């Protein structure tokens, strides 16, 4: 009976998530009016709750901690409802698509982490609650505070200092210095510094895009990347590098800057291959994982086995063997999703992430202020490139870089930093909406004043015309007319 329920549920979850994904893109059509768009967003919320209930019903039947599963499910449902309500009350003009996608991705993360490790899922949920409470005010500050663009060197100092602390005092994990502990909690500063880094670059290019300014920005950006390379955190270094190159090209519109940067990046990649052993290990595992299955290729091989075993429709929740993949909760969670929920579900997951990325770019293109435009573009690039690195490493498209899947993989620093990115994007969206509203109000006032002036002119002209006619009548009157 359990097997039958699991089989039916996996198709139901695929259908619900496919419908949710379809609404992500159909809501962005220009032909869709506001009311129809709002209806699509409400449908997304319904699909999310139905998927959530379906998944935890299966987990309740197939796992031992039945009472805890029910409590955990209810707490999550309340959490998602609270997030939706808070944004609906405090940020009525916020992007509903961004809010829905943020909740849906966290929902999928909670489901698959509960299946992999209940204790880790509970810890991730606790981090999510605290992080959401901490980031809920960020959209207000971003949309209202205008001095953010003037803190250029403060951003640079904060970023370099924090990276330097990690390089000196950080704990080594998988061959790289990534984090340090505060009160027993592991913190990975590079997850937060990448946000500060985007603000720094945006501030620099907001001030000027002259050659000397580009040189200054490149030196500071290069210093960030060099410290990450010395810490052997090459995945983060690559994200910083790509974000800078995209922002540089958009700010200056000079292709030779971009081409030169990519050439330097290619040379640095070759150098990293010969300098760092763990880079060579990952490249060997990427080239032919089955040839080195017992050593370097174990992770990638098991990832591919999981994806292939799941096929299009998956094995069903709790029916696969995703725990055979090392680091499955972090680096290879996409493979676990593909194995148990299927290839169609995994493709829809990528499409939802892509819809977030497109929304970020859409917001960047519609903002006229250069600083905020570059911030939206930089954060969007970081988010999109992180998706590429995570999924690409899991499917052997590129060598694994140890980058997590935002909002889905386990990791407190990654979760908090991604929620900050989403909150900043919401603040930029509110800034754009408020700016457009003020401009529309100014235009209406200008038109109204122009109309009043025109009306006064017409009345004045009519008065003058009447007086002139009266004078002509008087002067044109003959003496006989008085007789």
Protein backbone atom coordinates (compact mmCIF):
# COMPACT_ATOMS: atom_id res chain seq x y z
CA UNK A 1 0.00 0.00 0.00
CA UNK A 2 2.83 2.38 0.91
CA UNK A 3 4.56 1.70 -2.41
CA UNK A 4 1.34 2.51 -4.32
CA UNK A 5 0.86 5.78 -2.41
CA UNK A 6 4.48 6.73 -3.05
CA UNK A 7 4.14 6.00 -6.76
CA UNK A 8 0.98 8.09 -7.09
CA UNK A 9 2.39 10.93 -5.01
CA UNK A 10 5.49 11.36 -7.15
CA UNK A 11 3.35 11.96 -10.24
CA UNK A 12 1.16 14.36 -8.29
CA UNK A 13 4.18 16.32 -7.11
CA UNK A 14 5.60 16.50 -10.62
CA UNK A 15 2.28 17.82 -11.98
CA UNK A 16 1.94 20.39 -9.19
CA UNK A 17 5.48 21.64 -9.64
CA UNK A 18 5.14 21.73 -13.44
CA UNK A 19 1.99 23.87 -13.07
CA UNK A 20 3.84 26.13 -10.63
CA UNK A 21 6.74 26.48 -13.09
CA UNK A 22 4.39 27.30 -15.97
CA UNK A 23 2.86 30.13 -13.94
CA UNK A 24 6.36 31.55 -13.30
CA UNK A 25 6.77 32.35 -16.97
CA UNK A 26 3.16 32.97 -18.00
CA UNK A 27 2.89 35.68 -15.31
CA UNK A 28 5.76 37.57 -16.96
CA UNK A 29 4.00 38.01 -20.30
CA UNK A 30 3.37 41.62 -21.23
CA UNK A 31 -0.17 40.78 -22.34
CA UNK A 32 -1.12 39.72 -18.80
CA UNK A 33 -2.90 42.46 -16.84
CA UNK A 34 -2.48 43.07 -13.10
CA UNK A 35 -5.56 41.15 -11.98
CA UNK A 36 -4.72 38.11 -14.09
CA UNK A 37 -1.14 38.22 -12.85
CA UNK A 38 -2.29 38.34 -9.23
CA UNK A 39 -4.51 35.31 -9.87
CA UNK A 40 -1.52 33.39 -11.25
CA UNK A 41 0.53 34.22 -8.18
CA UNK A 42 -2.30 33.00 -5.92
CA UNK A 43 -2.37 29.78 -7.92
CA UNK A 44 1.34 29.36 -7.32
CA UNK A 45 0.80 29.56 -3.57
CA UNK A 46 -1.91 26.89 -3.77
CA UNK A 47 0.35 24.58 -5.81
CA UNK A 48 3.16 25.08 -3.29
CA UNK A 49 0.99 24.13 -0.30
CA UNK A 50 -0.42 21.11 -2.10
CA UNK A 51 3.08 19.93 -3.02
CA UNK A 52 4.23 20.52 0.55
CA UNK A 53 1.33 18.52 2.00
CA UNK A 54 1.78 15.70 -0.52
CA UNK A 55 5.50 15.36 0.19
CA UNK A 56 5.16 15.31 3.96
CA UNK A 57 2.26 12.88 3.80
CA UNK A 58 4.59 10.41 2.07
CA UNK A 59 7.40 11.13 4.52
CA UNK A 60 4.98 10.63 7.42
CA UNK A 61 4.03 7.17 6.13
CA UNK A 62 7.56 6.08 5.25
CA UNK A 63 9.62 7.43 8.18
CA UNK A 64 9.74 6.43 11.81
CA UNK A 65 9.44 9.84 13.51
CA UNK A 66 5.75 10.22 12.72
CA UNK A 67 4.82 12.70 15.45
CA UNK A 68 7.86 14.87 14.81
CA UNK A 69 7.15 14.86 11.06
CA UNK A 70 3.63 16.21 11.62
CA UNK A 71 4.87 18.96 13.94
CA UNK A 72 7.66 19.84 11.56
CA UNK A 73 5.26 20.05 8.63
CA UNK A 74 2.87 22.34 10.53
CA UNK A 75 5.69 24.64 11.61
CA UNK A 76 6.83 24.97 8.01
CA UNK A 77 3.29 25.69 6.81
CA UNK A 78 2.96 28.45 9.41
CA UNK A 79 6.37 29.83 8.44
CA UNK A 80 5.49 30.06 4.74
CA UNK A 81 2.13 31.63 5.56
CA UNK A 82 3.85 34.18 7.82
CA UNK A 83 6.32 35.12 5.07
CA UNK A 84 3.51 35.58 2.54
CA UNK A 85 1.42 37.62 4.97
CA UNK A 86 4.31 39.85 6.09
CA UNK A 87 5.24 40.73 2.52
CA UNK A 88 1.57 41.28 1.71
CA UNK A 89 1.14 43.69 4.64
CA UNK A 90 4.45 45.57 4.77
CA UNK A 91 5.49 45.44 1.11
CA UNK A 92 2.31 45.55 -0.93
CA UNK A 93 4.19 46.54 -4.08
CA UNK A 94 6.85 43.82 -3.73
CA UNK A 95 7.42 41.26 -6.48
CA UNK A 96 5.08 38.37 -5.72
CA UNK A 97 7.00 36.11 -8.10
CA UNK A 98 10.24 36.57 -6.14
CA UNK A 99 8.43 35.90 -2.84
CA UNK A 100 6.72 32.78 -4.18
CA UNK A 101 9.90 31.37 -5.71
CA UNK A 102 11.84 32.02 -2.53
CA UNK A 103 9.27 30.07 -0.50
CA UNK A 104 8.99 27.29 -3.08
CA UNK A 105 12.73 26.70 -3.25
CA UNK A 106 12.99 26.60 0.54
CA UNK A 107 10.01 24.22 0.60
CA UNK A 108 11.78 21.80 -1.77
CA UNK A 109 14.93 22.09 0.34
CA UNK A 110 13.08 21.23 3.55
CA UNK A 111 11.38 18.25 1.90
CA UNK A 112 14.54 16.68 0.48
CA UNK A 113 16.60 17.43 3.62
CA UNK A 114 13.91 15.79 5.78
CA UNK A 115 14.20 12.72 3.61
CA UNK A 116 18.04 12.76 3.84
CA UNK A 117 18.41 13.70 7.51
CA UNK A 118 15.60 14.86 9.77
CA UNK A 119 18.02 16.51 12.22
CA UNK A 120 19.72 18.53 9.48
CA UNK A 121 16.32 19.58 8.12
CA UNK A 122 15.25 20.86 11.53
CA UNK A 123 18.48 22.81 11.88
CA UNK A 124 18.05 24.27 8.40
CA UNK A 125 14.49 25.31 9.25
CA UNK A 126 15.62 27.04 12.44
CA UNK A 127 18.24 28.96 10.47
CA UNK A 128 15.61 29.89 7.88
CA UNK A 129 13.25 31.32 10.51
CA UNK A 130 15.98 33.43 12.12
CA UNK A 131 17.36 34.52 8.74
CA UNK A 132 13.94 35.53 7.43
CA UNK A 133 13.25 37.58 10.54
CA UNK A 134 16.66 39.25 10.16
CA UNK A 135 16.22 40.09 6.48
CA UNK A 136 12.61 41.25 6.53
CA UNK A 137 13.60 44.90 7.05
CA UNK A 138 16.23 44.93 4.28
CA UNK A 139 13.79 45.82 1.44
CA UNK A 140 12.71 48.94 3.37
CA UNK A 141 16.28 50.12 3.96
CA UNK A 142 17.36 49.46 0.36
CA UNK A 143 14.36 51.30 -1.09
CA UNK A 144 14.68 54.31 1.24
CA UNK A 145 18.32 54.88 2.19
CA UNK A 146 20.26 56.78 -0.47
CA UNK A 147 23.67 56.97 1.22
CA UNK A 148 24.51 53.34 0.32
CA UNK A 149 26.19 54.48 -2.89
CA UNK A 150 28.66 56.66 -0.97
CA UNK A 151 30.21 53.89 1.20
CA UNK A 152 32.62 52.72 -1.50
CA UNK A 153 35.80 52.24 0.51
CA UNK A 154 33.96 50.97 3.57
CA UNK A 155 32.70 48.07 1.43
CA UNK A 156 36.24 47.38 0.22
CA UNK A 157 37.75 47.52 3.70
CA UNK A 158 35.07 45.26 5.21
CA UNK A 159 35.38 42.68 2.44
CA UNK A 160 39.18 42.46 2.41
CA UNK A 161 39.39 42.38 6.23
CA UNK A 162 36.88 39.55 6.58
CA UNK A 163 38.52 37.51 3.82
CA UNK A 164 41.92 38.08 5.44
CA UNK A 165 40.64 36.82 8.80
CA UNK A 166 39.41 33.62 7.14
CA UNK A 167 42.69 33.16 5.25
CA UNK A 168 44.62 33.36 8.55
CA UNK A 169 42.25 31.79 11.11
CA UNK A 170 39.82 29.79 9.00
CA UNK A 171 39.25 26.06 9.39
CA UNK A 172 40.28 23.84 6.48
CA UNK A 173 37.45 21.95 4.77
CA UNK A 174 37.96 19.86 1.60
CA UNK A 175 41.37 21.42 1.09
CA UNK A 176 40.22 25.05 1.43
CA UNK A 177 39.91 27.57 4.25
CA UNK A 178 36.22 28.36 4.13
CA UNK A 179 34.90 29.20 7.58
CA UNK A 180 35.50 29.80 11.25
CA UNK A 181 33.38 29.12 14.30
CA UNK A 182 31.59 31.67 16.46
CA UNK A 183 29.99 30.24 19.64
CA UNK A 184 30.02 26.81 18.03
CA UNK A 185 28.35 28.03 14.82
CA UNK A 186 30.34 27.71 11.59
CA UNK A 187 30.26 30.91 9.52
CA UNK A 188 31.45 31.13 5.90
CA UNK A 189 32.20 34.85 5.37
CA UNK A 190 32.65 34.63 1.58
CA UNK A 191 28.90 34.04 1.27
CA UNK A 192 28.26 37.52 2.68
CA UNK A 193 31.32 39.29 1.29
CA UNK A 194 30.13 38.61 -2.26
CA UNK A 195 27.13 40.89 -1.52
CA UNK A 196 29.38 43.61 -0.09
CA UNK A 197 31.66 43.14 -3.10
CA UNK A 198 28.79 43.87 -5.50
CA UNK A 199 27.98 47.09 -3.61
CA UNK A 200 31.64 48.12 -3.79
CA UNK A 201 31.90 47.59 -7.55
CA UNK A 202 28.57 49.36 -8.15
CA UNK A 203 29.75 52.34 -6.06
CA UNK A 204 33.03 52.58 -7.95
CA UNK A 205 31.41 52.58 -11.38
CA UNK A 206 28.63 54.90 -10.21
CA UNK A 207 31.28 57.51 -9.42
CA UNK A 208 33.08 57.17 -12.74
CA UNK A 209 33.94 54.76 -15.53
CA UNK A 210 37.16 56.51 -16.52
CA UNK A 211 40.27 54.38 -17.04
CA UNK A 212 41.86 55.30 -13.70
CA UNK A 213 38.65 54.38 -11.88
CA UNK A 214 38.53 51.03 -13.69
CA UNK A 215 42.14 50.39 -12.64
CA UNK A 216 41.32 51.14 -8.98
CA UNK A 217 38.25 48.88 -9.04
CA UNK A 218 40.20 46.09 -10.76
CA UNK A 219 43.00 46.23 -8.19
CA UNK A 220 40.61 45.96 -5.25
CA UNK A 221 38.54 43.26 -6.98
CA UNK A 222 41.74 41.37 -7.80
CA UNK A 223 42.79 41.58 -4.15
CA UNK A 224 39.50 39.91 -3.13
CA UNK A 225 40.05 37.10 -5.62
CA UNK A 226 43.74 36.64 -4.69
CA UNK A 227 42.86 36.22 -0.99
CA UNK A 228 40.23 33.63 -1.92
CA UNK A 229 42.76 31.81 -4.11
CA UNK A 230 45.32 31.81 -1.27
CA UNK A 231 42.57 30.36 0.95
CA UNK A 232 42.01 27.77 -1.84
CA UNK A 233 38.32 28.75 -2.00
CA UNK A 234 38.38 28.72 -5.79
CA UNK A 235 34.62 28.33 -6.25
CA UNK A 236 33.95 31.61 -4.44
CA UNK A 237 36.86 33.26 -6.27
CA UNK A 238 35.32 32.28 -9.60
CA UNK A 239 31.95 33.75 -8.59
CA UNK A 240 33.59 37.06 -7.58
CA UNK A 241 35.52 37.16 -10.84
CA UNK A 242 32.50 36.56 -13.10
CA UNK A 243 30.35 39.07 -11.21
CA UNK A 244 33.04 41.73 -11.59
CA UNK A 245 33.53 41.08 -15.30
CA UNK A 246 29.80 41.35 -16.04
CA UNK A 247 29.44 44.55 -14.02
CA UNK A 248 32.57 46.02 -15.64
CA UNK A 249 31.27 45.38 -19.15
CA UNK A 250 27.78 46.75 -18.46
CA UNK A 251 29.17 49.87 -16.75
CA UNK A 252 31.78 50.70 -19.41
CA UNK A 253 30.31 49.04 -22.54
CA UNK A 254 33.89 48.26 -23.63
CA UNK A 255 34.24 44.75 -24.99
CA UNK A 256 38.04 44.68 -24.79
CA UNK A 257 37.83 45.00 -20.98
CA UNK A 258 35.61 41.93 -20.87
CA UNK A 259 37.73 39.96 -23.36
CA UNK A 260 40.94 40.85 -21.52
CA UNK A 261 39.42 39.79 -18.21
CA UNK A 262 38.31 36.43 -19.60
CA UNK A 263 41.80 35.86 -21.02
CA UNK A 264 43.35 36.57 -17.61
CA UNK A 265 40.79 34.23 -16.01
CA UNK A 266 41.71 31.45 -18.42
CA UNK A 267 45.41 31.85 -17.61
CA UNK A 268 44.63 31.85 -13.87
CA UNK A 269 42.59 28.64 -14.25
CA UNK A 270 45.53 26.85 -15.87
CA UNK A 271 47.83 28.12 -13.12
CA UNK A 272 45.40 26.91 -10.44
CA UNK A 273 45.39 23.45 -11.99
CA UNK A 274 49.15 23.13 -11.54
CA UNK A 275 49.34 24.90 -8.17
CA UNK A 276 46.52 23.21 -6.22
CA UNK A 277 46.17 19.46 -5.81
CA UNK A 278 42.42 19.51 -5.03
CA UNK A 279 41.81 21.34 -8.33
CA UNK A 280 43.62 18.56 -10.21
CA UNK A 281 41.57 15.98 -8.31
CA UNK A 282 38.30 17.59 -9.39
CA UNK A 283 39.43 17.90 -13.00
CA UNK A 284 40.44 14.20 -13.07
CA UNK A 285 37.07 13.26 -11.56
CA UNK A 286 35.32 15.34 -14.20
CA UNK A 287 37.22 13.90 -17.15
CA UNK A 288 36.53 10.22 -16.41
CA UNK A 289 34.92 9.60 -13.02
CA UNK A 290 34.44 5.86 -13.55
CA UNK A 291 38.15 5.37 -14.18
CA UNK A 292 38.90 6.69 -10.68
CA UNK A 293 35.67 5.53 -9.04
CA UNK A 294 37.28 4.38 -5.80
CA UNK A 295 39.04 7.69 -5.23
CA UNK A 296 38.54 11.00 -7.01
CA UNK A 297 35.51 10.03 -9.08
CA UNK A 298 33.34 8.58 -6.32
CA UNK A 299 31.15 11.66 -5.82
CA UNK A 300 30.56 12.43 -9.48
CA UNK A 301 29.99 8.78 -10.38
CA UNK A 302 27.38 8.27 -7.65
CA UNK A 303 25.76 11.56 -8.65
CA UNK A 304 25.38 10.36 -12.23
CA UNK A 305 24.12 6.96 -11.04
CA UNK A 306 21.46 8.69 -8.94
CA UNK A 307 20.30 10.92 -11.80
CA UNK A 308 20.21 8.00 -14.22
CA UNK A 309 18.36 5.76 -11.75
CA UNK A 310 15.66 8.36 -11.16
CA UNK A 311 14.87 8.72 -14.86
CA UNK A 312 12.11 11.12 -15.88
CA UNK A 313 9.70 10.38 -13.02
CA UNK A 314 11.96 9.44 -10.12
CA UNK A 315 11.99 6.58 -7.62
CA UNK A 316 9.63 8.31 -5.22
CA UNK A 317 10.40 9.91 -1.86
CA UNK A 318 12.37 7.60 0.44
CA UNK A 319 12.70 4.98 -2.30
CA UNK A 320 16.15 5.82 -3.66
CA UNK A 321 19.68 5.70 -2.23
CA UNK A 322 20.86 9.34 -2.36
CA UNK A 323 22.88 8.99 0.86
CA UNK A 324 25.44 6.98 -1.10
CA UNK A 325 26.59 10.29 -2.61
CA UNK A 326 29.17 12.00 -0.37
CA UNK A 327 28.20 15.58 0.59
CA UNK A 328 24.72 14.97 -0.83
CA UNK A 329 23.09 17.48 1.54
CA UNK A 330 25.26 20.32 0.26
CA UNK A 331 27.08 19.99 -3.05
CA UNK A 332 25.01 17.21 -4.67
CA UNK A 333 21.46 17.83 -3.46
CA UNK A 334 20.30 18.31 -7.06
CA UNK A 335 21.23 14.68 -7.75
CA UNK A 336 19.16 13.51 -4.78
CA UNK A 337 16.17 15.48 -6.08
CA UNK A 338 16.58 14.04 -9.57
CA UNK A 339 16.79 10.48 -8.20
CA UNK A 340 13.69 10.56 -6.01
CA UNK A 341 11.48 13.18 -7.68
CA UNK A 342 12.59 12.63 -11.28
CA UNK A 343 14.22 14.40 -14.19
CA UNK A 344 11.09 16.39 -15.05
CA UNK A 345 10.93 17.75 -11.52
CA UNK A 346 14.67 18.57 -11.65
CA UNK A 347 14.23 20.46 -14.95
CA UNK A 348 11.34 22.43 -13.45
CA UNK A 349 13.56 23.26 -10.49
CA UNK A 350 16.17 24.70 -12.86
CA UNK A 351 13.46 26.67 -14.68
CA UNK A 352 12.20 28.18 -11.41
CA UNK A 353 15.75 29.28 -10.63
CA UNK A 354 16.03 30.70 -14.15
CA UNK A 355 12.78 32.65 -13.64
CA UNK A 356 14.33 34.23 -10.52
CA UNK A 357 17.45 35.12 -12.52
CA UNK A 358 15.36 36.65 -15.33
CA UNK A 359 13.36 38.64 -12.80
CA UNK A 360 16.59 40.00 -11.30
CA UNK A 361 17.80 41.06 -14.75
CA UNK A 362 14.41 42.57 -15.57
CA UNK A 363 14.57 44.69 -12.44
CA UNK A 364 18.15 45.75 -13.31
CA UNK A 365 17.17 46.82 -16.83
CA UNK A 366 14.23 48.91 -15.66
CA UNK A 367 16.11 50.86 -12.97
CA UNK A 368 17.51 54.14 -14.30
CA UNK A 369 19.87 54.86 -11.38
CA UNK A 370 23.29 53.44 -12.34
CA UNK A 371 24.22 52.33 -8.82
CA UNK A 372 21.06 50.35 -8.19
CA UNK A 373 21.09 48.96 -11.72
CA UNK A 374 24.61 47.56 -11.20
CA UNK A 375 23.70 46.16 -7.78
CA UNK A 376 20.73 44.28 -9.23
CA UNK A 377 22.84 43.05 -12.12
CA UNK A 378 25.71 41.93 -9.88
CA UNK A 379 23.48 40.05 -7.44
CA UNK A 380 21.59 38.47 -10.33
CA UNK A 381 24.87 37.34 -11.88
CA UNK A 382 26.04 35.83 -8.60
CA UNK A 383 22.78 33.95 -8.15
CA UNK A 384 22.62 32.70 -11.74
CA UNK A 385 26.27 31.68 -11.89
CA UNK A 386 25.98 29.84 -8.57
CA UNK A 387 23.09 27.82 -10.03
CA UNK A 388 25.25 26.98 -13.05
CA UNK A 389 28.21 25.87 -10.91
CA UNK A 390 26.07 23.76 -8.58
CA UNK A 391 23.93 21.98 -11.17
CA UNK A 392 26.74 21.83 -13.73
CA UNK A 393 29.03 20.05 -11.26
CA UNK A 394 26.32 17.54 -10.33
CA UNK A 395 25.60 16.53 -13.94
CA UNK A 396 29.31 16.53 -14.97
CA UNK A 397 28.86 19.51 -17.27
CA UNK A 398 31.77 21.23 -15.51
CA UNK A 399 34.19 20.15 -12.76
CA UNK A 400 32.62 20.24 -9.31
CA UNK A 401 33.38 23.47 -7.44
CA UNK A 402 31.72 22.69 -4.10
CA UNK A 403 29.09 25.41 -4.57
CA UNK A 404 25.69 24.87 -2.94
CA UNK A 405 22.30 25.17 -4.63
CA UNK A 406 20.81 28.42 -3.22
CA UNK A 407 17.86 28.00 -0.81
CA UNK A 408 17.80 24.23 -1.39
CA UNK A 409 21.12 22.83 -0.17
CA UNK A 410 21.97 22.53 3.51
CA UNK A 411 24.09 25.37 4.87
CA UNK A 412 23.31 28.26 7.17
CA UNK A 413 25.65 30.82 5.62
CA UNK A 414 24.45 30.00 2.11
CA UNK A 415 20.80 30.22 3.16
CA UNK A 416 21.19 33.54 4.97
CA UNK A 417 23.24 35.14 2.19
CA UNK A 418 20.71 34.06 -0.46
CA UNK A 419 17.83 35.44 1.60
CA UNK A 420 19.77 38.72 1.87
CA UNK A 421 20.16 38.75 -1.93
CA UNK A 422 16.43 38.18 -2.41
CA UNK A 423 15.63 40.90 0.15
CA UNK A 424 17.97 43.38 -1.56
CA UNK A 425 16.35 42.59 -4.92
CA UNK A 426 12.93 43.22 -3.36
CA UNK A 427 14.21 46.55 -2.06
CA UNK A 428 15.41 47.48 -5.55
CA UNK A 429 12.04 46.45 -6.98
CA UNK A 430 10.27 48.68 -4.43
CA UNK A 431 12.72 51.49 -5.25
CA UNK A 432 11.84 51.18 -8.94
CA UNK A 433 8.11 51.08 -8.22
CA UNK A 434 8.32 54.09 -5.90
CA UNK A 435 10.47 56.04 -8.38
CA UNK A 436 8.04 55.33 -11.21
CA UNK A 437 5.15 56.34 -8.98
CA UNK A 438 6.82 59.63 -8.07
CA UNK A 439 7.66 60.32 -11.71
CA UNK A 440 4.08 59.57 -12.71
CA UNK A 441 2.83 61.89 -9.97
CA UNK A 442 5.20 64.63 -11.14
CA UNK A 443 4.07 64.18 -14.73
CA UNK A 444 0.42 64.41 -13.70
CA UNK A 445 1.12 67.57 -11.69
CA UNK A 446 3.08 69.04 -14.59
CA UNK A 447 0.28 68.30 -17.02
CA UNK A 448 -2.29 69.66 -14.59
CA UNK A 449 -0.29 72.86 -14.09
CA UNK A 450 0.25 73.17 -17.83
CA UNK A 451 -3.48 72.73 -18.34
CA UNK A 452 -4.20 75.43 -15.77
CA UNK A 453 -1.75 77.82 -17.43
CA UNK A 454 -3.28 77.13 -20.82
CA UNK A 455 -6.73 77.72 -19.40
CA UNK A 456 -5.63 81.02 -17.86
CA UNK A 457 -4.08 82.07 -21.17
CA UNK A 458 -7.27 81.26 -23.04
CA UNK A 459 -9.39 83.20 -20.55
CA UNK A 460 -6.99 86.13 -20.71
CA UNK A 461 -7.07 86.02 -24.51
CA UNK A 462 -10.87 85.94 -24.49
CA UNK A 463 -10.97 88.91 -22.09
CA UNK A 464 -8.55 90.88 -24.24
CA UNK A 465 -10.50 89.97 -27.34
CA UNK A 466 -13.74 91.13 -25.71
CA UNK A 467 -12.23 94.42 -24.56
CA UNK A 468 -10.75 95.05 -28.00
CA UNK A 469 -14.08 94.36 -29.66
CA UNK A 470 -15.79 96.67 -27.20
CA UNK A 471 -13.28 99.44 -27.88
CA UNK A 472 -13.70 98.99 -31.63
CA UNK A 473 -17.41 99.23 -31.23
CA UNK A 474 -17.10 102.45 -29.24
CA UNK A 475 -14.54 104.07 -31.55
CA UNK A 476 -16.43 102.93 -34.62
CA UNK A 477 -19.73 104.47 -33.49
CA UNK A 478 -20.89 107.48 -35.51
CA UNK A 479 -22.36 110.69 -34.02
CA UNK A 480 -25.62 110.05 -35.79
CA UNK A 481 -25.94 106.81 -33.90
CA UNK A 482 -26.41 108.74 -30.66
CA UNK A 483 -29.19 110.83 -32.11
